[in-house]
Amino acid sequence: MPSERSARRSLRSSSCARSSGAPAEGELQAGDVFVSIGGAAARDSTAIRTAIQGVTPGDTVEVVVERSGAQVTTHPDTGKADDGRTVLGIVLGVDYKLPFSVKIDVGNVGGPSAGLMFSLGIYDKLTDGALTGGSVIAGTGTIDEKGSVGPIGGIAQKMVGAREGGATFFLAPADNCAEAAGREPSGLQVVKVSTFDDALAAVTAIGKGNTSGLPHC
């Protein structure tokens, strides 16, 4: 069974043209992987956006990308967004490179609100033992590449559905706590989480029966 360390993933940020006539058209291609912008390392979306804002709108900038296994130097023009930001006119995507294959049968689940629980489920599969200790734990929340848990809509209805499904604990994004407080159904303990690590610690504690110190909404 892979350890927590070996389960860590690497990621790349790639580009795709948003539309014809975009400033970067003819230079950047779908699937390009950013290496640097204007000489500054740009290996993730935050670094890419930061580097672009250092360029004056309308100027040409040197962008090094990985394309078909080789590094290519491009010189796209930049443009100016309605709010004054410098843009290339591309949509960034994230390409995750994992040391294993992950397949999730989501059934009728749609949208990003199951991200946290999918993450916990994958972690549980990749590590020894069972996290829940037999407890029925539900939850909701988006998750980003840094492990931050984001808010969702309809938390009151989700809590009711979780309780009807047999859950006794519910992981709720911290940003939803104001909406969730006082609306939880009887028999459901709502646990506040802000990060994946918060959620993992909570599930681990619940699995061990150590629930007295759990943070509540």
C-alpha atoms as a PDB file:
ATOM      1  CA  MET A   1       0.000   0.000   0.000  1.00  0.00           C
ATOM      2  CA  PRO A   2       1.489   3.405  -0.934  1.00  0.00           C
ATOM      3  CA  SER A   3       2.510   5.679   1.910  1.00  0.00           C
ATOM      4  CA  GLU A   4       1.209   9.234   2.331  1.00  0.00           C
ATOM      5  CA  ARG A   5       4.473  10.580   0.948  1.00  0.00           C
ATOM      6  CA  SER A   6       4.353   8.424  -2.171  1.00  0.00           C
ATOM      7  CA  ALA A   7       0.744   9.459  -2.756  1.00  0.00           C
ATOM      8  CA  ARG A   8       1.740  13.088  -3.302  1.00  0.00           C
ATOM      9  CA  ARG A   9       1.231  14.292  -6.853  1.00  0.00           C
ATOM     10  CA  SER A  10       3.088  16.661  -9.150  1.00  0.00           C
ATOM     11  CA  LEU A  11       1.222  19.061 -11.405  1.00  0.00           C
ATOM     12  CA  ARG A  12       1.769  21.227 -14.429  1.00  0.00           C
ATOM     13  CA  SER A  13      -0.104  24.251 -15.756  1.00  0.00           C
ATOM     14  CA  SER A  14      -0.931  24.162 -19.447  1.00  0.00           C
ATOM     15  CA  SER A  15      -2.516  26.648 -21.815  1.00  0.00           C
ATOM     16  CA  CYS A  16      -5.200  26.616 -24.437  1.00  0.00           C
ATOM     17  CA  ALA A  17      -6.356  29.440 -26.676  1.00  0.00           C
ATOM     18  CA  ARG A  18      -9.609  30.957 -25.452  1.00  0.00           C
ATOM     19  CA  SER A  19     -10.761  32.159 -28.874  1.00  0.00           C
ATOM     20  CA  SER A  20      -9.537  33.250 -32.257  1.00  0.00           C
ATOM     21  CA  GLY A  21      -8.072  36.712 -32.138  1.00  0.00           C
ATOM     22  CA  ALA A  22      -6.642  36.264 -28.633  1.00  0.00           C
ATOM     23  CA  PRO A  23      -3.330  38.074 -28.037  1.00  0.00           C
ATOM     24  CA  ALA A  24      -1.368  34.805 -27.796  1.00  0.00           C
ATOM     25  CA  GLU A  25      -2.916  33.238 -30.906  1.00  0.00           C
ATOM     26  CA  GLY A  26      -0.298  31.702 -33.155  1.00  0.00           C
ATOM     27  CA  GLU A  27       2.283  31.456 -30.386  1.00  0.00           C
ATOM     28  CA  LEU A  28       0.802  29.375 -27.555  1.00  0.00           C
ATOM     29  CA  GLN A  29      -0.972  26.100 -28.218  1.00  0.00           C
ATOM     30  CA  ALA A  30      -3.349  23.852 -26.309  1.00  0.00           C
ATOM     31  CA  GLY A  31      -1.271  21.502 -24.180  1.00  0.00           C
ATOM     32  CA  ASP A  32       1.719  23.814 -23.828  1.00  0.00           C
ATOM     33  CA  VAL A  33       3.246  23.516 -20.361  1.00  0.00           C
ATOM     34  CA  PHE A  34       4.570  26.785 -18.946  1.00  0.00           C
ATOM     35  CA  VAL A  35       8.201  26.928 -17.848  1.00  0.00           C
ATOM     36  CA  SER A  36       8.881  30.665 -17.575  1.00  0.00           C
ATOM     37  CA  ILE A  37       7.440  34.046 -18.474  1.00  0.00           C
ATOM     38  CA  GLY A  38       9.789  36.955 -19.018  1.00  0.00           C
ATOM     39  CA  GLY A  39      12.553  34.952 -17.381  1.00  0.00           C
ATOM     40  CA  ALA A  40      10.525  34.267 -14.225  1.00  0.00           C
ATOM     41  CA  ALA A  41       9.684  30.663 -13.321  1.00  0.00           C
ATOM     42  CA  ALA A  42       6.019  29.948 -14.014  1.00  0.00           C
ATOM     43  CA  ARG A  43       5.216  26.347 -13.125  1.00  0.00           C
ATOM     44  CA  ASP A  44       1.789  26.874 -11.527  1.00  0.00           C
ATOM     45  CA  SER A  45      -1.238  29.077 -12.128  1.00  0.00           C
ATOM     46  CA  THR A  46      -0.357  31.556  -9.373  1.00  0.00           C
ATOM     47  CA  ALA A  47       3.174  32.062 -10.695  1.00  0.00           C
ATOM     48  CA  ILE A  48       1.867  32.401 -14.255  1.00  0.00           C
ATOM     49  CA  ARG A  49      -0.637  35.102 -13.322  1.00  0.00           C
ATOM     50  CA  THR A  50       1.922  36.949 -11.194  1.00  0.00           C
ATOM     51  CA  ALA A  51       4.481  36.934 -14.002  1.00  0.00           C
ATOM     52  CA  ILE A  52       1.966  38.200 -16.560  1.00  0.00           C
ATOM     53  CA  GLN A  53       1.031  41.151 -14.348  1.00  0.00           C
ATOM     54  CA  GLY A  54       4.656  42.266 -14.528  1.00  0.00           C
ATOM     55  CA  VAL A  55       4.214  42.904 -18.262  1.00  0.00           C
ATOM     56  CA  THR A  56       2.723  46.111 -19.679  1.00  0.00           C
ATOM     57  CA  PRO A  57      -0.477  45.387 -21.642  1.00  0.00           C
ATOM     58  CA  GLY A  58       0.264  45.344 -25.354  1.00  0.00           C
ATOM     59  CA  ASP A  59       3.907  44.371 -24.964  1.00  0.00           C
ATOM     60  CA  THR A  60       5.390  41.155 -26.320  1.00  0.00           C
ATOM     61  CA  VAL A  61       6.768  38.792 -23.685  1.00  0.00           C
ATOM     62  CA  GLU A  62       9.097  35.802 -23.876  1.00  0.00           C
ATOM     63  CA  VAL A  63       7.302  32.642 -22.782  1.00  0.00           C
ATOM     64  CA  VAL A  64       9.137  29.328 -22.561  1.00  0.00           C
ATOM     65  CA  VAL A  65       6.922  26.247 -22.719  1.00  0.00           C
ATOM     66  CA  GLU A  66       7.295  22.495 -22.956  1.00  0.00           C
ATOM     67  CA  ARG A  67       5.728  21.239 -26.170  1.00  0.00           C
ATOM     68  CA  SER A  68       5.870  17.643 -27.411  1.00  0.00           C
ATOM     69  CA  GLY A  69       8.727  16.859 -25.038  1.00  0.00           C
ATOM     70  CA  ALA A  70      10.918  19.826 -25.975  1.00  0.00           C
ATOM     71  CA  GLN A  71      11.309  23.356 -24.636  1.00  0.00           C
ATOM     72  CA  VAL A  72      10.095  26.005 -27.057  1.00  0.00           C
ATOM     73  CA  THR A  73      10.586  29.765 -26.733  1.00  0.00           C
ATOM     74  CA  THR A  74       7.576  31.799 -27.868  1.00  0.00           C
ATOM     75  CA  HIS A  75       6.920  35.542 -28.049  1.00  0.00           C
ATOM     76  CA  PRO A  76       3.180  36.165 -27.676  1.00  0.00           C
ATOM     77  CA  ASP A  77       1.640  39.612 -27.523  1.00  0.00           C
ATOM     78  CA  THR A  78      -0.287  40.564 -24.410  1.00  0.00           C
ATOM     79  CA  GLY A  79      -3.611  42.334 -24.146  1.00  0.00           C
ATOM     80  CA  LYS A  80      -5.526  44.385 -21.630  1.00  0.00           C
ATOM     81  CA  ALA A  81      -8.575  43.079 -19.787  1.00  0.00           C
ATOM     82  CA  ASP A  82     -11.559  45.292 -19.006  1.00  0.00           C
ATOM     83  CA  ASP A  83     -10.307  45.689 -15.450  1.00  0.00           C
ATOM     84  CA  GLY A  84      -6.835  46.735 -16.602  1.00  0.00           C
ATOM     85  CA  ARG A  85      -5.039  43.429 -16.035  1.00  0.00           C
ATOM     86  CA  THR A  86      -2.471  42.148 -18.499  1.00  0.00           C
ATOM     87  CA  VAL A  87      -3.705  39.013 -20.281  1.00  0.00           C
ATOM     88  CA  LEU A  88      -2.522  36.526 -22.882  1.00  0.00           C
ATOM     89  CA  GLY A  89      -6.045  35.533 -23.853  1.00  0.00           C
ATOM     90  CA  ILE A  90      -5.732  31.904 -22.758  1.00  0.00           C
ATOM     91  CA  VAL A  91      -7.490  29.639 -20.320  1.00  0.00           C
ATOM     92  CA  LEU A  92      -5.208  27.834 -17.881  1.00  0.00           C
ATOM     93  CA  GLY A  93      -5.741  24.175 -17.145  1.00  0.00           C
ATOM     94  CA  VAL A  94      -3.981  21.906 -14.683  1.00  0.00           C
ATOM     95  CA  ASP A  95      -2.549  18.577 -15.798  1.00  0.00           C
ATOM     96  CA  TYR A  96      -2.001  16.234 -12.855  1.00  0.00           C
ATOM     97  CA  LYS A  97       0.666  13.565 -13.219  1.00  0.00           C
ATOM     98  CA  LEU A  98       0.017  10.744 -10.781  1.00  0.00           C
ATOM     99  CA  PRO A  99       2.100   7.640 -10.075  1.00  0.00           C
ATOM    100  CA  PHE A 100      -1.091   5.585 -10.177  1.00  0.00           C
ATOM    101  CA  SER A 101      -4.447   5.495 -11.937  1.00  0.00           C
ATOM    102  CA  VAL A 102      -7.475   6.994 -10.183  1.00  0.00           C
ATOM    103  CA  LYS A 103     -10.961   6.206 -11.433  1.00  0.00           C
ATOM    104  CA  ILE A 104     -14.045   7.497  -9.632  1.00  0.00           C
ATOM    105  CA  ASP A 105     -17.575   6.378 -10.465  1.00  0.00           C
ATOM    106  CA  VAL A 106     -19.450   9.568  -9.577  1.00  0.00           C
ATOM    107  CA  GLY A 107     -22.873   8.299 -10.573  1.00  0.00           C
ATOM    108  CA  ASN A 108     -25.269  11.256 -10.488  1.00  0.00           C
ATOM    109  CA  VAL A 109     -22.868  13.520  -8.595  1.00  0.00           C
ATOM    110  CA  GLY A 110     -22.167  16.780 -10.424  1.00  0.00           C
ATOM    111  CA  GLY A 111     -20.311  19.961  -9.611  1.00  0.00           C
ATOM    112  CA  PRO A 112     -17.290  20.570  -7.385  1.00  0.00           C
ATOM    113  CA  SER A 113     -18.927  20.238  -3.964  1.00  0.00           C
ATOM    114  CA  ALA A 114     -17.886  16.596  -3.538  1.00  0.00           C
ATOM    115  CA  GLY A 115     -14.205  17.427  -3.980  1.00  0.00           C
ATOM    116  CA  LEU A 116     -13.321  17.201  -0.302  1.00  0.00           C
ATOM    117  CA  MET A 117     -15.020  13.859   0.226  1.00  0.00           C
ATOM    118  CA  PHE A 118     -13.533  12.388  -2.956  1.00  0.00           C
ATOM    119  CA  SER A 119     -10.110  13.488  -1.699  1.00  0.00           C
ATOM    120  CA  LEU A 120     -10.644  11.791   1.648  1.00  0.00           C
ATOM    121  CA  GLY A 121     -11.918   8.657  -0.073  1.00  0.00           C
ATOM    122  CA  ILE A 122      -8.854   8.464  -2.313  1.00  0.00           C
ATOM    123  CA  TYR A 123      -6.552   9.033   0.659  1.00  0.00           C
ATOM    124  CA  ASP A 124      -8.325   6.255   2.551  1.00  0.00           C
ATOM    125  CA  LYS A 125      -7.784   3.872  -0.371  1.00  0.00           C
ATOM    126  CA  LEU A 126      -4.090   4.709  -0.649  1.00  0.00           C
ATOM    127  CA  THR A 127      -3.201   4.343   3.028  1.00  0.00           C
ATOM    128  CA  ASP A 128      -3.356   1.428   5.435  1.00  0.00           C
ATOM    129  CA  GLY A 129      -6.401   0.891   7.620  1.00  0.00           C
ATOM    130  CA  ALA A 130      -9.844   2.479   7.580  1.00  0.00           C
ATOM    131  CA  LEU A 131     -10.119   6.123   8.589  1.00  0.00           C
ATOM    132  CA  THR A 132     -13.719   6.119   9.756  1.00  0.00           C
ATOM    133  CA  GLY A 133     -13.568   3.287  12.266  1.00  0.00           C
ATOM    134  CA  GLY A 134     -17.062   2.298  11.167  1.00  0.00           C
ATOM    135  CA  SER A 135     -18.643   5.719  11.738  1.00  0.00           C
ATOM    136  CA  VAL A 136     -20.851   7.136   8.994  1.00  0.00           C
ATOM    137  CA  ILE A 137     -19.283  10.463   8.041  1.00  0.00           C
ATOM    138  CA  ALA A 138     -20.679  12.767   5.373  1.00  0.00           C
ATOM    139  CA  GLY A 139     -19.455  16.129   4.222  1.00  0.00           C
ATOM    140  CA  THR A 140     -19.158  18.682   1.486  1.00  0.00           C
ATOM    141  CA  GLY A 141     -16.797  21.308   0.156  1.00  0.00           C
ATOM    142  CA  THR A 142     -14.703  22.120  -2.864  1.00  0.00           C
ATOM    143  CA  ILE A 143     -10.968  21.464  -2.752  1.00  0.00           C
ATOM    144  CA  ASP A 144      -8.103  23.104  -4.592  1.00  0.00           C
ATOM    145  CA  GLU A 145      -4.591  21.954  -5.418  1.00  0.00           C
ATOM    146  CA  LYS A 146      -3.265  23.397  -2.143  1.00  0.00           C
ATOM    147  CA  GLY A 147      -5.819  21.524  -0.029  1.00  0.00           C
ATOM    148  CA  SER A 148      -8.014  24.505   0.848  1.00  0.00           C
ATOM    149  CA  VAL A 149     -11.687  23.657   1.361  1.00  0.00           C
ATOM    150  CA  GLY A 150     -14.114  26.085  -0.275  1.00  0.00           C
ATOM    151  CA  PRO A 151     -17.791  26.891   0.327  1.00  0.00           C
ATOM    152  CA  ILE A 152     -20.717  25.317  -1.492  1.00  0.00           C
ATOM    153  CA  GLY A 153     -24.407  26.005  -1.970  1.00  0.00           C
ATOM    154  CA  GLY A 154     -27.380  24.348  -0.303  1.00  0.00           C
ATOM    155  CA  ILE A 155     -25.633  23.182   2.840  1.00  0.00           C
ATOM    156  CA  ALA A 156     -28.879  22.968   4.832  1.00  0.00           C
ATOM    157  CA  GLN A 157     -30.315  20.501   2.344  1.00  0.00           C
ATOM    158  CA  LYS A 158     -27.055  18.558   2.224  1.00  0.00           C
ATOM    159  CA  MET A 159     -27.078  18.157   6.015  1.00  0.00           C
ATOM    160  CA  VAL A 160     -30.640  16.843   5.957  1.00  0.00           C
ATOM    161  CA  GLY A 161     -29.770  14.402   3.190  1.00  0.00           C
ATOM    162  CA  ALA A 162     -26.692  13.234   5.086  1.00  0.00           C
ATOM    163  CA  ARG A 163     -28.675  12.546   8.244  1.00  0.00           C
ATOM    164  CA  GLU A 164     -31.368  10.716   6.306  1.00  0.00           C
ATOM    165  CA  GLY A 165     -28.576   8.619   4.813  1.00  0.00           C
ATOM    166  CA  GLY A 166     -27.412   7.550   8.261  1.00  0.00           C
ATOM    167  CA  ALA A 167     -24.545   9.973   8.865  1.00  0.00           C
ATOM    168  CA  THR A 168     -23.829  11.097  12.407  1.00  0.00           C
ATOM    169  CA  PHE A 169     -20.967  13.466  11.508  1.00  0.00           C
ATOM    170  CA  PHE A 170     -20.844  16.078   8.771  1.00  0.00           C
ATOM    171  CA  LEU A 171     -17.744  17.941   7.572  1.00  0.00           C
ATOM    172  CA  ALA A 172     -18.673  21.508   6.638  1.00  0.00           C
ATOM    173  CA  PRO A 173     -16.503  24.205   5.021  1.00  0.00           C
ATOM    174  CA  ALA A 174     -15.640  26.946   7.503  1.00  0.00           C
ATOM    175  CA  ASP A 175     -17.066  29.519   5.082  1.00  0.00           C
ATOM    176  CA  ASN A 176     -20.470  27.800   5.293  1.00  0.00           C
ATOM    177  CA  CYS A 177     -20.584  27.681   9.080  1.00  0.00           C
ATOM    178  CA  ALA A 178     -22.681  30.828   9.496  1.00  0.00           C
ATOM    179  CA  GLU A 179     -25.338  29.308   7.237  1.00  0.00           C
ATOM    180  CA  ALA A 180     -25.118  25.852   8.802  1.00  0.00           C
ATOM    181  CA  ALA A 181     -25.184  26.872  12.477  1.00  0.00           C
ATOM    182  CA  GLY A 182     -28.512  26.078  14.098  1.00  0.00           C
ATOM    183  CA  ARG A 183     -29.889  24.310  11.032  1.00  0.00           C
ATOM    184  CA  GLU A 184     -28.304  20.910  11.565  1.00  0.00           C
ATOM    185  CA  PRO A 185     -30.811  18.059  11.984  1.00  0.00           C
ATOM    186  CA  SER A 186     -31.009  16.174  15.256  1.00  0.00           C
ATOM    187  CA  GLY A 187     -28.338  13.514  15.628  1.00  0.00           C
ATOM    188  CA  LEU A 188     -25.873  15.144  13.211  1.00  0.00           C
ATOM    189  CA  GLN A 189     -22.658  16.679  14.560  1.00  0.00           C
ATOM    190  CA  VAL A 190     -21.300  19.348  12.202  1.00  0.00           C
ATOM    191  CA  VAL A 191     -17.510  19.686  12.106  1.00  0.00           C
ATOM    192  CA  LYS A 192     -15.849  22.836  10.734  1.00  0.00           C
ATOM    193  CA  VAL A 193     -12.937  22.322   8.314  1.00  0.00           C
ATOM    194  CA  SER A 194     -10.818  24.788   6.332  1.00  0.00           C
ATOM    195  CA  THR A 195      -8.276  22.445   4.755  1.00  0.00           C
ATOM    196  CA  PHE A 196      -7.819  18.838   3.746  1.00  0.00           C
ATOM    197  CA  ASP A 197      -5.565  18.402   6.783  1.00  0.00           C
ATOM    198  CA  ASP A 198      -8.383  19.675   9.027  1.00  0.00           C
ATOM    199  CA  ALA A 199     -10.768  17.167   7.489  1.00  0.00           C
ATOM    200  CA  LEU A 200      -8.267  14.323   7.740  1.00  0.00           C
ATOM    201  CA  ALA A 201      -7.611  15.113  11.402  1.00  0.00           C
ATOM    202  CA  ALA A 202     -11.349  15.225  12.103  1.00  0.00           C
ATOM    203  CA  VAL A 203     -12.084  11.915  10.364  1.00  0.00           C
ATOM    204  CA  THR A 204      -9.132  10.277  12.109  1.00  0.00           C
ATOM    205  CA  ALA A 205     -10.349  11.530  15.491  1.00  0.00           C
ATOM    206  CA  ILE A 206     -13.888  10.331  14.792  1.00  0.00           C
ATOM    207  CA  GLY A 207     -12.561   6.939  13.746  1.00  0.00           C
ATOM    208  CA  LYS A 208     -10.727   6.655  17.064  1.00  0.00           C
ATOM    209  CA  GLY A 209     -13.691   7.903  19.096  1.00  0.00           C
ATOM    210  CA  ASN A 210     -11.910  11.115  20.119  1.00  0.00           C
ATOM    211  CA  THR A 211     -14.680  13.561  19.253  1.00  0.00           C
ATOM    212  CA  SER A 212     -14.700  15.927  22.230  1.00  0.00           C
ATOM    213  CA  GLY A 213     -12.203  18.365  20.717  1.00  0.00           C
ATOM    214  CA  LEU A 214     -13.692  18.606  17.236  1.00  0.00           C
ATOM    215  CA  PRO A 215     -14.303  22.189  16.010  1.00  0.00           C
ATOM    216  CA  HIS A 216     -17.969  22.978  15.475  1.00  0.00           C
ATOM    217  CA  CYS A 217     -19.829  25.542  13.429  1.00  0.00           C
END
